[in-house]
Every structure is written in structure tokens, then in C-alpha cells.
């Protein structure tokens, strides 16, 4: 894949994942102990995403993860124009 397209894809998924995580956090669904685990996962995700985007199965993996996050956050219900 073209590096510019790859970067755009990485940026898109990063923003979408962070929107879900921020909403999840703002809904008060995180305890202090789970907040620490989510923060670690967020940092790792941000760090690893560019490399993971090179995988041939990345679009399917990312879509599955976004759908699962949406099941928890219901973000697409709040913003139906941006549903997954």
C-alpha cells in the first residue's frame, strides 16, 4: 500500500478508536483499576498502530474492533452519520 494512504488509514483508525475510548471514559464506566489498564492499552495502540496497518488483514481486524467498541459505547447511535 502507498505510504501516504497507509498513514491516512492509520490516522483515521487512531481517531476513531480514541473517540470510542474517550466516550467510554466520559460515561464513567471505568474504575480506577480499569482506567490504568485502558491507559496502557491506549498507549500501546497509539504506538503500534502504524506497524499494524501494514497487515493485510488490518481493515477487517480494525472494523471488528470498532464494531465491538461501538457495542459498548453506542457512539454510532449518538452520531448516526459516522456509524461503522
C-alpha atoms as a PDB file:
ATOM      1  CA  UNK A   1       0.000   0.000   0.000  1.00  0.00           C
ATOM      2  CA  UNK A   2       1.133   3.529  -0.739  1.00  0.00           C
ATOM      3  CA  UNK A   3       2.777   5.058   2.395  1.00  0.00           C
ATOM      4  CA  UNK A   4       0.553   8.161   2.227  1.00  0.00           C
ATOM      5  CA  UNK A   5      -2.580   6.020   2.056  1.00  0.00           C
ATOM      6  CA  UNK A   6      -1.277   3.883   4.873  1.00  0.00           C
ATOM      7  CA  UNK A   7      -0.700   6.958   7.024  1.00  0.00           C
ATOM      8  CA  UNK A   8      -4.196   8.262   6.257  1.00  0.00           C
ATOM      9  CA  UNK A   9      -5.681   4.881   7.193  1.00  0.00           C
ATOM     10  CA  UNK A  10      -3.674   4.790  10.402  1.00  0.00           C
ATOM     11  CA  UNK A  11      -4.761   8.337  11.302  1.00  0.00           C
ATOM     12  CA  UNK A  12      -8.419   7.524  10.610  1.00  0.00           C
ATOM     13  CA  UNK A  13      -8.485   4.407  12.772  1.00  0.00           C
ATOM     14  CA  UNK A  14      -6.487   6.086  15.524  1.00  0.00           C
ATOM     15  CA  UNK A  15      -9.020   8.923  15.687  1.00  0.00           C
ATOM     16  CA  UNK A  16     -11.981   6.530  15.637  1.00  0.00           C
ATOM     17  CA  UNK A  17     -10.586   4.299  18.362  1.00  0.00           C
ATOM     18  CA  UNK A  18      -9.740   7.284  20.533  1.00  0.00           C
ATOM     19  CA  UNK A  19     -13.262   8.704  20.086  1.00  0.00           C
ATOM     20  CA  UNK A  20     -14.695   5.461  21.424  1.00  0.00           C
ATOM     21  CA  UNK A  21     -12.259   5.245  24.312  1.00  0.00           C
ATOM     22  CA  UNK A  22     -12.860   8.872  25.282  1.00  0.00           C
ATOM     23  CA  UNK A  23     -16.625   8.390  25.226  1.00  0.00           C
ATOM     24  CA  UNK A  24     -16.328   5.185  27.224  1.00  0.00           C
ATOM     25  CA  UNK A  25     -14.280   7.075  29.798  1.00  0.00           C
ATOM     26  CA  UNK A  26     -16.631  10.068  29.852  1.00  0.00           C
ATOM     27  CA  UNK A  27     -19.575   7.753  30.512  1.00  0.00           C
ATOM     28  CA  UNK A  28     -17.979   6.895  33.842  1.00  0.00           C
ATOM     29  CA  UNK A  29     -17.639   3.214  33.042  1.00  0.00           C
ATOM     30  CA  UNK A  30     -14.057   2.953  34.200  1.00  0.00           C
ATOM     31  CA  UNK A  31     -12.978   2.246  37.751  1.00  0.00           C
ATOM     32  CA  UNK A  32      -9.587   3.404  38.913  1.00  0.00           C
ATOM     33  CA  UNK A  33      -8.122  -0.051  38.320  1.00  0.00           C
ATOM     34  CA  UNK A  34      -9.608  -0.413  34.829  1.00  0.00           C
ATOM     35  CA  UNK A  35      -8.579   3.133  33.907  1.00  0.00           C
ATOM     36  CA  UNK A  36      -4.949   2.165  34.350  1.00  0.00           C
ATOM     37  CA  UNK A  37      -5.366  -0.866  32.069  1.00  0.00           C
ATOM     38  CA  UNK A  38      -7.174   1.247  29.451  1.00  0.00           C
ATOM     39  CA  UNK A  39      -4.429   3.875  29.572  1.00  0.00           C
ATOM     40  CA  UNK A  40      -1.776   1.198  28.984  1.00  0.00           C
ATOM     41  CA  UNK A  41      -3.772  -0.275  26.103  1.00  0.00           C
ATOM     42  CA  UNK A  42      -4.294   3.180  24.589  1.00  0.00           C
ATOM     43  CA  UNK A  43      -0.586   3.989  24.710  1.00  0.00           C
ATOM     44  CA  UNK A  44       0.313   0.641  23.155  1.00  0.00           C
ATOM     45  CA  UNK A  45      -2.346   1.032  20.472  1.00  0.00           C
ATOM     46  CA  UNK A  46      -1.118   4.502  19.513  1.00  0.00           C
ATOM     47  CA  UNK A  47       2.478   3.271  19.446  1.00  0.00           C
ATOM     48  CA  UNK A  48       1.793   0.100  17.410  1.00  0.00           C
ATOM     49  CA  UNK A  49      -0.930   1.240  15.023  1.00  0.00           C
ATOM     50  CA  UNK A  50       1.306   2.359  12.152  1.00  0.00           C
ATOM     51  CA  UNK A  51       3.037  -1.018  12.073  1.00  0.00           C
ATOM     52  CA  UNK A  52      -0.222  -2.948  12.422  1.00  0.00           C
ATOM     53  CA  UNK A  53      -1.738  -1.102   9.449  1.00  0.00           C
ATOM     54  CA  UNK A  54       0.702  -2.938   7.173  1.00  0.00           C
ATOM     55  CA  UNK A  55      -1.009  -6.261   7.896  1.00  0.00           C
ATOM     56  CA  UNK A  56      -3.160  -7.469   5.027  1.00  0.00           C
ATOM     57  CA  UNK A  57      -5.989  -8.308   7.409  1.00  0.00           C
ATOM     58  CA  UNK A  58      -5.860  -4.953   9.216  1.00  0.00           C
ATOM     59  CA  UNK A  59      -9.054  -3.448   7.717  1.00  0.00           C
ATOM     60  CA  UNK A  60     -11.088  -6.469   8.822  1.00  0.00           C
ATOM     61  CA  UNK A  61      -9.476  -6.536  12.274  1.00  0.00           C
ATOM     62  CA  UNK A  62      -9.991  -2.799  12.744  1.00  0.00           C
ATOM     63  CA  UNK A  63     -13.610  -2.956  11.610  1.00  0.00           C
ATOM     64  CA  UNK A  64     -14.327  -5.821  14.013  1.00  0.00           C
ATOM     65  CA  UNK A  65     -12.726  -3.957  16.894  1.00  0.00           C
ATOM     66  CA  UNK A  66     -14.615  -0.754  16.086  1.00  0.00           C
ATOM     67  CA  UNK A  67     -17.918  -2.651  15.987  1.00  0.00           C
ATOM     68  CA  UNK A  68     -17.175  -4.214  19.357  1.00  0.00           C
ATOM     69  CA  UNK A  69     -16.272  -0.858  20.832  1.00  0.00           C
ATOM     70  CA  UNK A  70     -19.456   0.596  19.377  1.00  0.00           C
ATOM     71  CA  UNK A  71     -21.432  -2.149  21.117  1.00  0.00           C
ATOM     72  CA  UNK A  72     -20.042  -0.815  24.397  1.00  0.00           C
ATOM     73  CA  UNK A  73     -20.127   2.922  23.735  1.00  0.00           C
ATOM     74  CA  UNK A  74     -23.112   3.157  21.338  1.00  0.00           C
ATOM     75  CA  UNK A  75     -21.252   6.056  19.712  1.00  0.00           C
ATOM     76  CA  UNK A  76     -22.889   5.437  16.335  1.00  0.00           C
ATOM     77  CA  UNK A  77     -26.300   5.903  17.994  1.00  0.00           C
ATOM     78  CA  UNK A  78     -25.172   9.306  19.240  1.00  0.00           C
ATOM     79  CA  UNK A  79     -23.719  10.287  15.862  1.00  0.00           C
ATOM     80  CA  UNK A  80     -25.537   8.208  13.189  1.00  0.00           C
ATOM     81  CA  UNK A  81     -23.749   9.987  10.321  1.00  0.00           C
ATOM     82  CA  UNK A  82     -20.477   8.456  11.471  1.00  0.00           C
ATOM     83  CA  UNK A  83     -21.662   4.900  12.082  1.00  0.00           C
ATOM     84  CA  UNK A  84     -19.418   1.968  11.234  1.00  0.00           C
END
